[in-house]
Amino acid sequence: MFKFNNEYLLKAIFIIISCLAGVTASNRHGQHLAAGRPLVSIYSSSTSGLLDSSWDSISPINLENALRSSSYNVVRFAGKAVDTPFESASSAFVIPPLTGDCIYTDVEDIEAINAFVRSGGLVIVHDSVRRPRATQDLVAAILGYSGSWDHCEAVAVNAAYSFVTSTSVARDFLNVRWPTRLEGARVQLHSWCKHEDPNAVSYPLYALGGDTMKAAVQAFAKVGIPGAVVWLGYDWQGGAQQGWDAMLREVINAFVKGSFHGPVDASLMDKHPLRLDGIVDSDGDLEDFVRRYLSSSTGPAGGGVSYGGYFPSPQIPNYPPSPAPTIAPPSPSPMLPPPKPSTVAPARFMWFHNMTAHGVQGILTPVVWFDDADFASQLNLRYNNSKLWLVNRSKQPSCSKEPPCGICQRAWYPYNGSDVAGFPNRTVVLYFREPVILKRVTILEMASIGVEEVFLLGWPAVPIPQLGLNVTRRYDNVTQSDVFTKLTRTRLSVCSSKVEAVVKPPRSDEPQRVPGLGYDQTHLPPFFQERAIGGVGIRLRAQLNPRQVHTQIAQVLFSGRVLYPQNPGEYAPYPRPRSS
């Protein structure tokens, strides 16, 4: 009898110990404040390629200081590269704004973060500067979403307003004392992001004017998972902000106390339907935009058919202004024998992504093509701030993105004599020597906000003698539907922004078959005659403050497809991303 009681007693003790251990394990993120300062980990690897201090060295420091000022015990996670284990006892894991070329899931152990969130942890993420879609993909990877994003678009950059909390949705996420407003710092706004995973739930916590399609802070969760991800649109370059600090404390402290248990269902997404009219279409990510901008060289331009368009101007002595280096004209290509008849059918179209234009307005000729024999001589006519830098594929612009914001010699801005007859003042026009269907135009704007209008010119926009085309289009030929003034602007740094125009009907592309027999660049199918583009113009607003640094255009990139390309190799360096 005594032995029987001992066995039951031992079993009872074992059950009690197991229950206590389970409670302790499930509440490891709910550390008691009285036991010490809550533990918060911050990603800080300098070797993984995720954080580039030459691009932004201040944001991670400001973010870490803000966390320390809130009395958290902040520990740095140096990452997989130095074999540092992830601190799973943290209440929150913070990833600063990513400024490198790499993707988190490619260089770090995403499974450790998955496990952290599945056990009730909080992950805080920010925008990725060089890879605009990297953050939303990271959110999906952390929470284990299946499928793709239905809607998740960068819609604007705000620098002047306060953000009013979307109270009803915010309290669906956490019932805490949300600050009423956040300071009007420069913030990247996104649409309310919705994933196709039926168990995915997202919460726009703060938005511009209460418009949930202009969210500054969003939270993400998944049915059955007690952890969450919070995406902040503020990059902390402006330092600590009272409202942002308070909001961050409320969220982290809620996870410290174990207040979040995860959604029981995804009905919230049906309760608040998305207003899709507020989303700007942005198919085909622009993740390599900044990488190309930072690069000092590009891939080969590709040889082939010569398009000249105009007889080369007489040789001009090379007198580049000091201290600019002298650029020698390229050696003329040797004459090639006539090509052998090919048994391969010519390409009917080719996609391209983030490609510079073929030509631009010249000083001595209506257009200068990027591979003209006298391109260097033409460039030396106006070396500093020449329009020709925008199509120079041998050496891309390299302009400082750090303050103080000044004039970059390899970026164009409206100087005396840069205006061209037939177009508005402060306008640059870029040309294509083959018909293209554009999806988007992406502009690198420097120093200050100034791009006011983007307009399209039909095909052809300038004479193409090799094709027997002798048409010149001016601004008077532009229809209202080909003018874009509602542009999407995304801040890349203190001194640079990405300005984007998405081509819409009637010029927008559609999944239409490109016929082969009987059509070519001089005789396009009717469907494409209405859509083909031969030029794109960019107009800047007038400089209101003479003391302000001029707005400059450092780069213009195009994405779309070319019809009946004569030299497919010319488009090979600009392949379409697999995801588009």
Protein backbone atom coordinates (compact mmCIF):
# COMPACT_ATOMS: atom_id res chain seq x y z
CA MET A 1 0.00 0.00 0.00
CA PHE A 2 2.83 2.32 0.90
CA LYS A 3 4.61 1.52 -2.37
CA PHE A 4 1.41 2.17 -4.31
CA ASN A 5 1.06 5.62 -2.72
CA ASN A 6 4.70 6.43 -3.46
CA GLU A 7 4.20 5.62 -7.13
CA TYR A 8 1.18 7.89 -7.36
CA LEU A 9 3.04 10.60 -5.48
CA LEU A 10 5.98 10.38 -7.86
CA LYS A 11 3.64 10.52 -10.86
CA ALA A 12 1.86 13.54 -9.41
CA ILE A 13 5.16 15.34 -8.84
CA PHE A 14 6.25 14.53 -12.40
CA ILE A 15 3.00 15.92 -13.83
CA ILE A 16 3.33 19.12 -11.80
CA ILE A 17 6.94 19.62 -12.88
CA SER A 18 6.01 19.01 -16.53
CA CYS A 19 3.20 21.56 -16.34
CA LEU A 20 5.46 24.14 -14.76
CA ALA A 21 8.11 23.51 -17.42
CA GLY A 22 5.51 23.91 -20.14
CA VAL A 23 4.29 27.17 -18.70
CA THR A 24 7.86 28.42 -18.44
CA ALA A 25 8.64 27.43 -22.03
CA SER A 26 5.50 28.95 -23.46
CA ASN A 27 6.12 32.14 -21.52
CA ARG A 28 9.80 32.59 -22.23
CA HIS A 29 8.97 35.68 -24.26
CA GLY A 30 6.76 36.95 -21.46
CA GLN A 31 9.59 37.84 -19.10
CA HIS A 32 8.63 39.62 -15.92
CA LEU A 33 9.75 43.25 -15.88
CA ALA A 34 10.62 42.91 -12.21
CA ALA A 35 13.15 40.19 -12.99
CA GLY A 36 15.26 42.57 -15.06
CA ARG A 37 15.20 44.49 -18.30
CA PRO A 38 13.50 42.68 -21.20
CA LEU A 39 15.89 41.26 -23.77
CA VAL A 40 15.72 42.60 -27.33
CA SER A 41 18.02 41.39 -30.12
CA ILE A 42 19.03 43.62 -33.03
CA TYR A 43 20.63 42.41 -36.25
CA SER A 44 24.07 43.98 -36.68
CA SER A 45 26.21 41.86 -39.01
CA SER A 46 28.78 43.90 -40.94
CA THR A 47 29.88 41.02 -43.18
CA SER A 48 26.66 39.39 -44.41
CA GLY A 49 25.94 41.92 -47.16
CA LEU A 50 22.60 42.94 -45.64
CA LEU A 51 23.78 46.19 -44.05
CA ASP A 52 25.93 48.60 -46.05
CA SER A 53 27.35 51.31 -43.79
CA SER A 54 28.56 53.32 -46.79
CA TRP A 55 24.92 53.64 -47.84
CA ASP A 56 23.43 54.29 -44.40
CA SER A 57 25.45 54.11 -41.21
CA ILE A 58 23.16 56.12 -38.95
CA SER A 59 19.80 54.31 -39.04
CA PRO A 60 20.93 51.15 -37.16
CA ILE A 61 22.64 53.32 -34.54
CA ASN A 62 19.59 55.53 -34.03
CA LEU A 63 17.34 52.48 -33.82
CA GLU A 64 19.55 50.77 -31.26
CA ASN A 65 19.75 53.96 -29.18
CA ALA A 66 15.95 54.26 -29.24
CA LEU A 67 15.64 50.70 -27.91
CA ARG A 68 18.20 51.29 -25.18
CA SER A 69 16.49 54.52 -24.14
CA SER A 70 13.35 52.46 -23.56
CA SER A 71 15.26 50.44 -20.93
CA TYR A 72 15.61 47.26 -22.97
CA ASN A 73 18.62 45.00 -22.64
CA VAL A 74 19.74 45.21 -26.28
CA VAL A 75 22.03 42.48 -27.60
CA ARG A 76 23.53 42.45 -31.08
CA PHE A 77 23.04 39.45 -33.31
CA ALA A 78 26.07 39.25 -35.61
CA GLY A 79 24.57 36.55 -37.79
CA LYS A 80 25.45 33.25 -39.33
CA ALA A 81 28.67 34.51 -40.91
CA VAL A 82 30.43 34.63 -37.51
CA ASP A 83 28.57 31.59 -36.15
CA THR A 84 26.66 33.58 -33.53
CA PRO A 85 23.63 31.70 -32.14
CA PHE A 86 20.33 33.51 -32.26
CA GLU A 87 19.17 34.62 -28.81
CA SER A 88 15.86 32.78 -28.69
CA ALA A 89 15.10 34.09 -25.18
CA SER A 90 14.58 37.58 -26.61
CA SER A 91 11.16 39.14 -26.47
CA ALA A 92 11.75 40.82 -29.84
CA PHE A 93 14.15 40.56 -32.75
CA VAL A 94 14.71 43.80 -34.65
CA ILE A 95 16.08 43.95 -38.21
CA PRO A 96 17.16 47.52 -39.16
CA PRO A 97 16.54 48.99 -42.63
CA LEU A 98 18.45 46.72 -45.04
CA THR A 99 20.83 48.63 -47.30
CA GLY A 100 22.90 45.84 -48.84
CA ASP A 101 22.48 43.79 -51.99
CA CYS A 102 21.83 40.47 -50.26
CA ILE A 103 18.54 38.94 -49.16
CA TYR A 104 18.09 37.84 -45.54
CA THR A 105 16.91 34.34 -46.40
CA ASP A 106 19.99 33.82 -48.59
CA VAL A 107 22.57 34.56 -45.91
CA GLU A 108 20.89 33.91 -42.54
CA ASP A 109 19.07 31.01 -40.91
CA ILE A 110 15.40 31.78 -41.50
CA GLU A 111 14.41 28.58 -39.66
CA ALA A 112 15.68 30.07 -36.40
CA ILE A 113 13.41 33.08 -36.91
CA ASN A 114 10.51 30.79 -37.88
CA ALA A 115 10.93 28.90 -34.61
CA PHE A 116 11.21 32.17 -32.69
CA VAL A 117 7.87 33.42 -34.04
CA ARG A 118 6.17 30.05 -33.63
CA SER A 119 7.08 30.17 -29.94
CA GLY A 120 5.52 33.62 -29.52
CA GLY A 121 8.33 35.98 -30.53
CA LEU A 122 8.02 39.38 -32.18
CA VAL A 123 10.07 40.35 -35.24
CA ILE A 124 10.31 44.01 -36.27
CA VAL A 125 11.37 44.75 -39.86
CA HIS A 126 11.92 47.84 -41.99
CA ASP A 127 12.07 48.63 -45.70
CA SER A 128 14.89 47.30 -47.84
CA VAL A 129 16.49 50.20 -49.70
CA ARG A 130 18.02 48.37 -52.67
CA ARG A 131 15.48 45.55 -52.96
CA PRO A 132 12.02 47.08 -52.63
CA ARG A 133 10.18 43.73 -52.44
CA ALA A 134 12.65 42.04 -50.11
CA THR A 135 10.83 43.05 -46.93
CA GLN A 136 7.44 41.65 -47.91
CA ASP A 137 9.12 38.43 -49.03
CA LEU A 138 10.93 38.28 -45.68
CA VAL A 139 7.64 38.73 -43.82
CA ALA A 140 6.12 35.83 -45.77
CA ALA A 141 9.16 33.65 -45.10
CA ILE A 142 9.18 34.39 -41.36
CA LEU A 143 5.50 33.50 -40.93
CA GLY A 144 5.55 30.63 -43.41
CA TYR A 145 2.91 32.05 -45.74
CA SER A 146 2.06 29.82 -48.70
CA GLY A 147 1.65 31.44 -52.11
CA SER A 148 2.25 35.03 -53.10
CA TRP A 149 1.15 38.52 -52.18
CA ASP A 150 -2.16 39.64 -53.65
CA HIS A 151 -1.40 43.29 -52.90
CA CYS A 152 1.60 44.90 -51.25
CA GLU A 153 2.82 48.03 -52.98
CA ALA A 154 4.92 51.04 -52.06
CA VAL A 155 2.57 53.95 -52.76
CA ALA A 156 4.25 57.14 -51.53
CA VAL A 157 6.81 58.80 -49.29
CA ASN A 158 5.42 61.12 -46.65
CA ALA A 159 7.46 63.90 -45.07
CA ALA A 160 4.96 66.41 -43.77
CA TYR A 161 1.97 64.84 -42.05
CA SER A 162 1.24 63.04 -38.80
CA PHE A 163 -0.19 59.56 -38.97
CA VAL A 164 -3.53 58.88 -37.32
CA THR A 165 -3.86 55.36 -35.95
CA SER A 166 -6.40 53.10 -37.59
CA THR A 167 -7.78 52.40 -34.10
CA SER A 168 -10.24 49.60 -34.85
CA VAL A 169 -7.74 47.54 -36.80
CA ALA A 170 -4.86 48.35 -34.43
CA ARG A 171 -6.84 47.06 -31.44
CA ASP A 172 -7.63 43.90 -33.36
CA PHE A 173 -3.88 43.28 -33.24
CA LEU A 174 -3.10 44.42 -29.68
CA ASN A 175 -5.27 46.10 -27.07
CA VAL A 176 -2.64 48.56 -25.84
CA ARG A 177 -2.40 52.31 -25.37
CA TRP A 178 -1.57 53.21 -28.94
CA PRO A 179 -0.17 56.75 -29.35
CA THR A 180 -2.79 58.80 -31.17
CA ARG A 181 -0.32 60.23 -33.66
CA LEU A 182 3.19 59.58 -34.88
CA GLU A 183 5.53 62.37 -35.89
CA GLY A 184 5.53 63.37 -39.54
CA ALA A 185 9.02 62.06 -40.24
CA ARG A 186 9.96 60.86 -43.72
CA VAL A 187 8.15 57.55 -43.95
CA GLN A 188 7.63 54.99 -46.71
CA LEU A 189 3.92 54.27 -47.14
CA HIS A 190 2.56 50.97 -48.42
CA SER A 191 -0.83 49.70 -49.38
CA TRP A 192 -2.53 47.40 -46.90
CA CYS A 193 -0.60 44.22 -47.69
CA LYS A 194 -2.73 41.11 -48.21
CA HIS A 195 -1.35 37.64 -48.83
CA GLU A 196 -3.20 34.84 -50.63
CA ASP A 197 -2.48 32.37 -47.80
CA PRO A 198 -5.96 31.75 -46.28
CA ASN A 199 -4.43 31.84 -42.78
CA ALA A 200 -2.54 35.11 -43.28
CA VAL A 201 -3.74 38.16 -41.37
CA SER A 202 -2.41 41.72 -41.64
CA TYR A 203 -3.18 44.82 -39.62
CA PRO A 204 -2.51 48.39 -40.81
CA LEU A 205 -1.70 50.02 -37.46
CA TYR A 206 -0.92 53.60 -38.56
CA ALA A 207 -1.85 55.28 -41.82
CA LEU A 208 -1.80 58.67 -43.47
CA GLY A 209 -5.12 60.37 -42.82
CA GLY A 210 -6.61 57.11 -41.60
CA ASP A 211 -6.38 55.69 -45.14
CA THR A 212 -5.39 52.06 -44.67
CA MET A 213 -4.13 51.98 -48.26
CA LYS A 214 -1.37 54.39 -47.14
CA ALA A 215 -0.04 52.48 -44.17
CA ALA A 216 3.06 53.57 -42.26
CA VAL A 217 3.08 50.66 -39.81
CA GLN A 218 1.66 47.19 -40.44
CA ALA A 219 1.56 44.00 -38.40
CA PHE A 220 1.41 40.47 -39.80
CA ALA A 221 0.33 37.22 -38.19
CA LYS A 222 -0.89 33.75 -39.07
CA VAL A 223 -3.69 31.65 -37.65
CA GLY A 224 -2.27 29.15 -35.18
CA ILE A 225 1.02 31.01 -34.60
CA PRO A 226 1.42 33.04 -31.36
CA GLY A 227 4.13 35.34 -32.77
CA ALA A 228 3.99 38.25 -35.20
CA VAL A 229 5.95 40.56 -37.50
CA VAL A 230 5.66 44.36 -37.42
CA TRP A 231 6.82 46.39 -40.45
CA LEU A 232 7.84 49.99 -39.76
CA GLY A 233 7.94 52.54 -42.58
CA TYR A 234 10.22 54.88 -40.61
CA ASP A 235 13.93 54.31 -41.26
CA TRP A 236 15.21 56.15 -38.13
CA GLN A 237 17.50 58.45 -40.11
CA GLY A 238 15.81 61.32 -38.32
CA GLY A 239 16.70 59.85 -34.92
CA ALA A 240 14.41 59.15 -32.00
CA GLN A 241 10.82 60.41 -32.25
CA GLN A 242 8.56 60.54 -29.21
CA GLY A 243 5.53 58.97 -30.90
CA TRP A 244 7.49 56.30 -32.76
CA ASP A 245 9.43 55.40 -29.60
CA ALA A 246 6.21 55.13 -27.58
CA MET A 247 4.52 52.97 -30.21
CA LEU A 248 7.53 50.65 -30.35
CA ARG A 249 7.53 50.31 -26.54
CA GLU A 250 3.83 49.45 -26.47
CA VAL A 251 4.27 46.67 -29.02
CA ILE A 252 7.42 45.16 -27.50
CA ASN A 253 6.08 45.35 -23.94
CA ALA A 254 2.90 43.57 -25.04
CA PHE A 255 5.03 40.65 -26.21
CA VAL A 256 7.13 40.84 -23.05
CA LYS A 257 3.92 40.32 -21.07
CA GLY A 258 2.64 37.61 -23.42
CA SER A 259 -0.41 39.65 -24.44
CA PHE A 260 -0.46 38.44 -28.06
CA HIS A 261 -1.75 34.94 -28.76
CA GLY A 262 -2.24 35.04 -32.52
CA PRO A 263 -5.44 35.28 -34.57
CA VAL A 264 -8.01 32.51 -34.25
CA ASP A 265 -9.16 33.02 -37.85
CA ALA A 266 -8.59 35.29 -40.84
CA SER A 267 -12.02 36.91 -40.82
CA LEU A 268 -10.45 40.35 -40.33
CA MET A 269 -9.42 40.36 -43.98
CA ASP A 270 -13.07 39.92 -45.04
CA LYS A 271 -14.30 42.40 -42.45
CA HIS A 272 -12.18 45.18 -43.95
CA PRO A 273 -12.06 44.71 -47.75
CA LEU A 274 -9.14 46.34 -49.53
CA ARG A 275 -9.71 49.50 -51.56
CA LEU A 276 -7.76 48.51 -54.61
CA ASP A 277 -8.26 51.85 -56.35
CA GLY A 278 -5.61 53.26 -54.05
CA ILE A 279 -2.92 50.87 -55.21
CA VAL A 280 -0.45 51.73 -57.94
CA ASP A 281 0.29 48.76 -60.17
CA SER A 282 3.92 47.83 -59.86
CA ASP A 283 4.39 44.42 -61.45
CA GLY A 284 8.01 43.49 -61.99
CA ASP A 285 10.12 44.54 -59.05
CA LEU A 286 12.88 47.16 -59.31
CA GLU A 287 15.23 45.53 -56.90
CA ASP A 288 18.33 46.14 -59.03
CA PHE A 289 17.55 49.83 -59.57
CA VAL A 290 19.91 51.14 -56.95
CA ARG A 291 22.51 48.48 -57.67
CA ARG A 292 22.77 49.68 -61.26
CA TYR A 293 22.92 53.24 -60.04
CA LEU A 294 25.80 52.48 -57.68
CA SER A 295 27.65 50.47 -60.30
CA SER A 296 30.36 52.27 -62.24
CA SER A 297 30.01 50.04 -65.29
CA THR A 298 27.43 47.91 -67.03
CA GLY A 299 27.41 44.91 -69.27
CA PRO A 300 28.40 45.17 -72.92
CA ALA A 301 26.04 47.11 -75.08
CA GLY A 302 26.08 44.50 -77.78
CA GLY A 303 27.03 45.00 -81.40
CA GLY A 304 25.00 44.47 -84.50
CA VAL A 305 22.85 46.64 -86.70
CA SER A 306 23.93 50.28 -86.87
CA TYR A 307 21.17 52.81 -86.42
CA GLY A 308 23.04 56.10 -86.66
CA GLY A 309 20.00 57.99 -87.82
CA TYR A 310 22.10 61.06 -88.63
CA PHE A 311 25.47 61.48 -90.28
CA PRO A 312 28.19 61.76 -87.64
CA SER A 313 29.13 65.35 -86.93
CA PRO A 314 32.67 66.53 -87.75
CA GLN A 315 35.27 65.50 -85.19
CA ILE A 316 35.36 67.91 -82.32
CA PRO A 317 38.57 68.41 -80.34
CA ASN A 318 38.41 66.85 -76.90
CA TYR A 319 38.45 69.70 -74.40
CA PRO A 320 36.80 68.26 -71.29
CA PRO A 321 36.44 70.82 -68.52
CA SER A 322 38.77 70.33 -65.61
CA PRO A 323 38.85 68.17 -63.55
CA ALA A 324 36.83 65.80 -65.74
CA PRO A 325 38.97 63.16 -67.48
CA THR A 326 39.42 63.07 -71.24
CA ILE A 327 37.38 60.35 -72.88
CA ALA A 328 38.73 59.05 -76.15
CA PRO A 329 36.25 58.16 -78.88
CA PRO A 330 35.73 54.39 -79.21
CA SER A 331 37.55 52.62 -81.99
CA PRO A 332 35.33 51.97 -85.00
CA SER A 333 34.14 48.40 -85.27
CA PRO A 334 35.73 46.38 -88.12
CA MET A 335 33.58 45.65 -91.14
CA LEU A 336 31.84 42.32 -90.78
CA PRO A 337 31.16 39.93 -93.66
CA PRO A 338 27.54 39.55 -94.70
CA PRO A 339 25.76 37.20 -92.30
CA LYS A 340 24.93 33.71 -93.47
CA PRO A 341 21.27 32.93 -93.98
CA SER A 342 19.78 31.82 -90.67
CA THR A 343 17.42 28.93 -90.22
CA VAL A 344 16.21 30.32 -86.88
CA ALA A 345 13.06 32.42 -86.99
CA PRO A 346 13.69 36.03 -85.90
CA ALA A 347 12.43 37.03 -82.47
CA ARG A 348 9.00 38.64 -82.54
CA PHE A 349 9.62 40.42 -79.22
CA MET A 350 11.98 40.47 -76.24
CA TRP A 351 11.43 41.58 -72.66
CA PHE A 352 13.83 44.04 -71.04
CA HIS A 353 14.05 45.31 -67.47
CA ASN A 354 15.72 48.48 -66.18
CA MET A 355 17.32 49.36 -69.51
CA THR A 356 18.53 52.81 -70.46
CA ALA A 357 17.14 54.41 -73.62
CA HIS A 358 18.89 54.11 -76.98
CA GLY A 359 19.33 57.84 -77.52
CA VAL A 360 18.77 61.35 -76.25
CA GLN A 361 18.48 64.87 -77.62
CA GLY A 362 21.82 66.13 -78.89
CA ILE A 363 23.39 69.57 -79.26
CA LEU A 364 24.36 69.33 -82.94
CA THR A 365 21.84 66.67 -83.99
CA PRO A 366 18.24 65.93 -83.00
CA VAL A 367 19.34 62.66 -81.39
CA VAL A 368 22.57 61.02 -80.23
CA TRP A 369 22.51 57.22 -80.00
CA PHE A 370 24.47 55.54 -77.23
CA ASP A 371 26.75 53.70 -79.68
CA ASP A 372 27.37 56.54 -82.18
CA ALA A 373 31.01 56.68 -83.30
CA ASP A 374 31.26 60.31 -82.16
CA PHE A 375 29.40 59.81 -78.87
CA ALA A 376 32.43 60.81 -76.77
CA SER A 377 32.95 63.96 -78.82
CA GLN A 378 29.30 64.87 -78.43
CA LEU A 379 29.57 64.29 -74.69
CA ASN A 380 32.57 66.57 -74.44
CA LEU A 381 30.58 69.45 -75.92
CA ARG A 382 28.87 69.64 -72.55
CA TYR A 383 30.62 67.20 -70.27
CA ASN A 384 29.23 68.37 -66.95
CA ASN A 385 25.50 67.67 -66.55
CA SER A 386 25.10 66.51 -70.14
CA LYS A 387 21.91 64.75 -71.22
CA LEU A 388 24.13 62.13 -72.81
CA TRP A 389 24.99 60.70 -69.39
CA LEU A 390 21.46 59.32 -69.30
CA VAL A 391 22.19 56.93 -72.21
CA ASN A 392 25.91 56.34 -71.65
CA ARG A 393 26.06 52.57 -71.17
CA SER A 394 29.83 52.39 -70.91
CA LYS A 395 29.88 54.26 -67.60
CA GLN A 396 26.78 54.81 -65.52
CA PRO A 397 26.34 57.84 -63.25
CA SER A 398 28.00 57.83 -59.85
CA CYS A 399 26.51 60.58 -57.72
CA SER A 400 26.81 61.08 -53.98
CA LYS A 401 23.70 60.18 -52.05
CA GLU A 402 24.91 61.60 -48.76
CA PRO A 403 24.33 65.14 -47.48
CA PRO A 404 25.08 67.85 -48.21
CA CYS A 405 23.12 67.38 -51.43
CA GLY A 406 24.99 69.08 -54.27
CA ILE A 407 25.34 69.13 -58.05
CA CYS A 408 26.50 65.86 -59.58
CA GLN A 409 28.46 66.36 -62.80
CA ARG A 410 27.13 63.13 -64.27
CA ALA A 411 23.48 63.98 -63.79
CA TRP A 412 21.37 66.27 -66.00
CA TYR A 413 19.58 69.39 -64.88
CA PRO A 414 18.13 72.32 -66.91
CA TYR A 415 21.02 74.65 -67.66
CA ASN A 416 21.06 77.58 -70.09
CA GLY A 417 20.91 76.15 -73.59
CA SER A 418 19.57 72.73 -72.64
CA ASP A 419 16.04 73.42 -73.85
CA VAL A 420 15.04 72.08 -77.28
CA ALA A 421 12.57 73.66 -79.70
CA GLY A 422 9.26 71.87 -79.83
CA PHE A 423 9.32 70.84 -76.18
CA PRO A 424 8.59 72.67 -72.91
CA ASN A 425 11.41 74.25 -70.96
CA ARG A 426 13.24 72.08 -68.43
CA THR A 427 12.54 68.93 -70.47
CA VAL A 428 14.76 66.04 -71.52
CA VAL A 429 13.57 63.58 -74.18
CA LEU A 430 14.95 60.05 -74.50
CA TYR A 431 14.48 58.00 -77.68
CA PHE A 432 14.19 54.38 -78.80
CA ARG A 433 15.37 53.30 -82.24
CA GLU A 434 13.17 50.21 -82.15
CA PRO A 435 9.46 50.14 -81.21
CA VAL A 436 8.91 49.34 -77.54
CA ILE A 437 5.89 48.66 -75.34
CA LEU A 438 6.66 50.09 -71.91
CA LYS A 439 5.40 48.93 -68.54
CA ARG A 440 7.14 51.55 -66.44
CA VAL A 441 9.60 54.44 -66.40
CA THR A 442 11.90 54.73 -63.38
CA ILE A 443 13.78 57.95 -62.68
CA LEU A 444 16.58 58.59 -60.19
CA GLU A 445 15.90 62.09 -58.86
CA MET A 446 18.72 63.84 -56.99
CA ALA A 447 18.98 66.69 -54.46
CA SER A 448 15.34 67.79 -54.36
CA ILE A 449 11.85 66.92 -55.60
CA GLY A 450 11.40 68.28 -59.11
CA VAL A 451 10.05 65.75 -61.63
CA GLU A 452 6.67 67.16 -62.59
CA GLU A 453 5.63 65.26 -65.70
CA VAL A 454 6.46 62.21 -67.79
CA PHE A 455 5.06 61.99 -71.32
CA LEU A 456 5.18 59.45 -74.14
CA LEU A 457 5.90 59.89 -77.84
CA GLY A 458 4.53 57.37 -80.33
CA TRP A 459 6.65 55.23 -82.64
CA PRO A 460 8.69 56.47 -84.39
CA ALA A 461 9.56 59.65 -82.50
CA VAL A 462 12.60 60.66 -84.60
CA PRO A 463 13.75 59.72 -88.11
CA ILE A 464 15.26 56.22 -88.41
CA PRO A 465 16.89 56.26 -91.88
CA GLN A 466 17.87 52.58 -91.73
CA LEU A 467 14.17 51.71 -91.53
CA GLY A 468 13.08 54.36 -94.01
CA LEU A 469 11.16 56.20 -91.27
CA ASN A 470 11.21 60.00 -91.41
CA VAL A 471 8.82 61.09 -88.65
CA THR A 472 9.57 63.68 -85.97
CA ARG A 473 7.21 63.98 -83.01
CA ARG A 474 7.04 67.05 -80.78
CA TYR A 475 5.18 67.93 -77.63
CA ASP A 476 2.21 69.08 -79.75
CA ASN A 477 1.77 65.46 -80.83
CA VAL A 478 1.34 64.24 -77.24
CA THR A 479 -2.22 63.36 -76.22
CA GLN A 480 -3.59 63.85 -72.72
CA SER A 481 -3.63 60.10 -72.07
CA ASP A 482 0.13 59.99 -72.72
CA VAL A 483 0.93 62.53 -69.99
CA PHE A 484 1.63 61.27 -66.46
CA THR A 485 1.61 63.68 -63.55
CA LYS A 486 0.55 61.29 -60.78
CA LEU A 487 3.92 59.76 -60.09
CA THR A 488 5.02 57.37 -57.35
CA ARG A 489 7.98 58.72 -55.40
CA THR A 490 10.08 56.58 -53.05
CA ARG A 491 12.89 58.04 -50.99
CA LEU A 492 16.16 56.13 -51.37
CA SER A 493 18.35 58.38 -49.23
CA VAL A 494 18.55 61.95 -47.98
CA CYS A 495 19.67 63.15 -51.40
CA SER A 496 17.90 60.78 -53.79
CA SER A 497 14.44 59.48 -54.66
CA LYS A 498 13.03 56.97 -57.10
CA VAL A 499 10.24 58.40 -59.24
CA GLU A 500 8.08 55.93 -61.12
CA ALA A 501 5.47 56.23 -63.85
CA VAL A 502 3.43 53.12 -64.61
CA VAL A 503 2.19 53.08 -68.20
CA LYS A 504 -1.59 52.78 -68.35
CA PRO A 505 -4.18 52.45 -71.14
CA PRO A 506 -4.24 53.07 -73.99
CA ARG A 507 -0.47 52.49 -74.11
CA SER A 508 -0.29 49.70 -71.52
CA ASP A 509 0.81 46.25 -72.59
CA GLU A 510 -1.58 43.32 -72.66
CA PRO A 511 -1.04 39.58 -73.13
CA GLN A 512 -1.49 39.82 -76.88
CA ARG A 513 0.27 37.53 -79.34
CA VAL A 514 2.82 39.25 -81.57
CA PRO A 515 2.28 37.92 -85.12
CA GLY A 516 5.30 37.15 -87.25
CA LEU A 517 4.54 36.77 -90.95
CA GLY A 518 3.81 40.04 -92.74
CA TYR A 519 4.82 42.41 -89.94
CA ASP A 520 8.01 44.17 -88.92
CA GLN A 521 9.19 47.43 -87.32
CA THR A 522 8.00 49.51 -90.25
CA HIS A 523 4.63 47.78 -90.39
CA LEU A 524 3.37 46.92 -86.92
CA PRO A 525 0.17 44.97 -86.22
CA PRO A 526 -2.78 47.32 -85.54
CA PHE A 527 -2.93 46.38 -81.86
CA PHE A 528 0.69 47.42 -81.34
CA GLN A 529 0.55 50.49 -83.57
CA GLU A 530 -1.60 52.06 -80.86
CA ARG A 531 0.84 51.14 -78.11
CA ALA A 532 4.35 51.34 -79.57
CA ILE A 533 6.54 54.08 -78.11
CA GLY A 534 9.49 55.85 -79.69
CA GLY A 535 10.36 58.40 -77.02
CA VAL A 536 9.79 59.48 -73.43
CA GLY A 537 10.01 63.02 -72.11
CA ILE A 538 10.62 64.17 -68.53
CA ARG A 539 9.79 67.71 -67.47
CA LEU A 540 11.00 69.33 -64.26
CA ARG A 541 9.17 72.03 -62.33
CA ALA A 542 10.56 75.55 -62.24
CA GLN A 543 13.12 76.26 -59.55
CA LEU A 544 11.21 78.38 -57.04
CA ASN A 545 14.05 78.99 -54.60
CA PRO A 546 17.26 80.15 -56.33
CA ARG A 547 19.25 79.13 -53.26
CA GLN A 548 18.01 75.56 -53.42
CA VAL A 549 20.16 72.95 -55.15
CA HIS A 550 18.78 72.14 -58.61
CA THR A 551 16.84 68.92 -59.06
CA GLN A 552 18.94 66.55 -61.16
CA ILE A 553 18.17 63.41 -63.12
CA ALA A 554 20.94 60.86 -62.59
CA GLN A 555 19.39 57.89 -64.37
CA VAL A 556 16.30 56.85 -66.31
CA LEU A 557 15.47 53.16 -66.67
CA PHE A 558 12.75 51.46 -68.70
CA SER A 559 10.99 48.10 -68.42
CA GLY A 560 8.84 46.51 -71.11
CA ARG A 561 9.41 44.68 -74.39
CA VAL A 562 10.78 45.47 -77.82
CA LEU A 563 8.94 44.41 -80.98
CA TYR A 564 10.72 42.54 -83.77
CA PRO A 565 14.23 43.29 -82.39
CA GLN A 566 16.94 43.44 -85.03
CA ASN A 567 19.71 42.82 -82.50
CA PRO A 568 18.46 40.61 -79.63
CA GLY A 569 21.90 40.65 -78.02
CA GLU A 570 21.45 44.33 -77.25
CA TYR A 571 18.69 43.44 -74.76
CA ALA A 572 20.39 40.42 -73.22
CA PRO A 573 22.03 42.45 -70.40
CA TYR A 574 18.57 43.52 -69.19
CA PRO A 575 16.65 40.27 -68.63
CA ARG A 576 13.17 40.31 -67.21
CA PRO A 577 13.05 39.08 -63.58
CA ARG A 578 11.54 35.64 -63.19
CA SER A 579 8.90 36.97 -60.81
CA SER A 580 7.45 39.48 -63.31
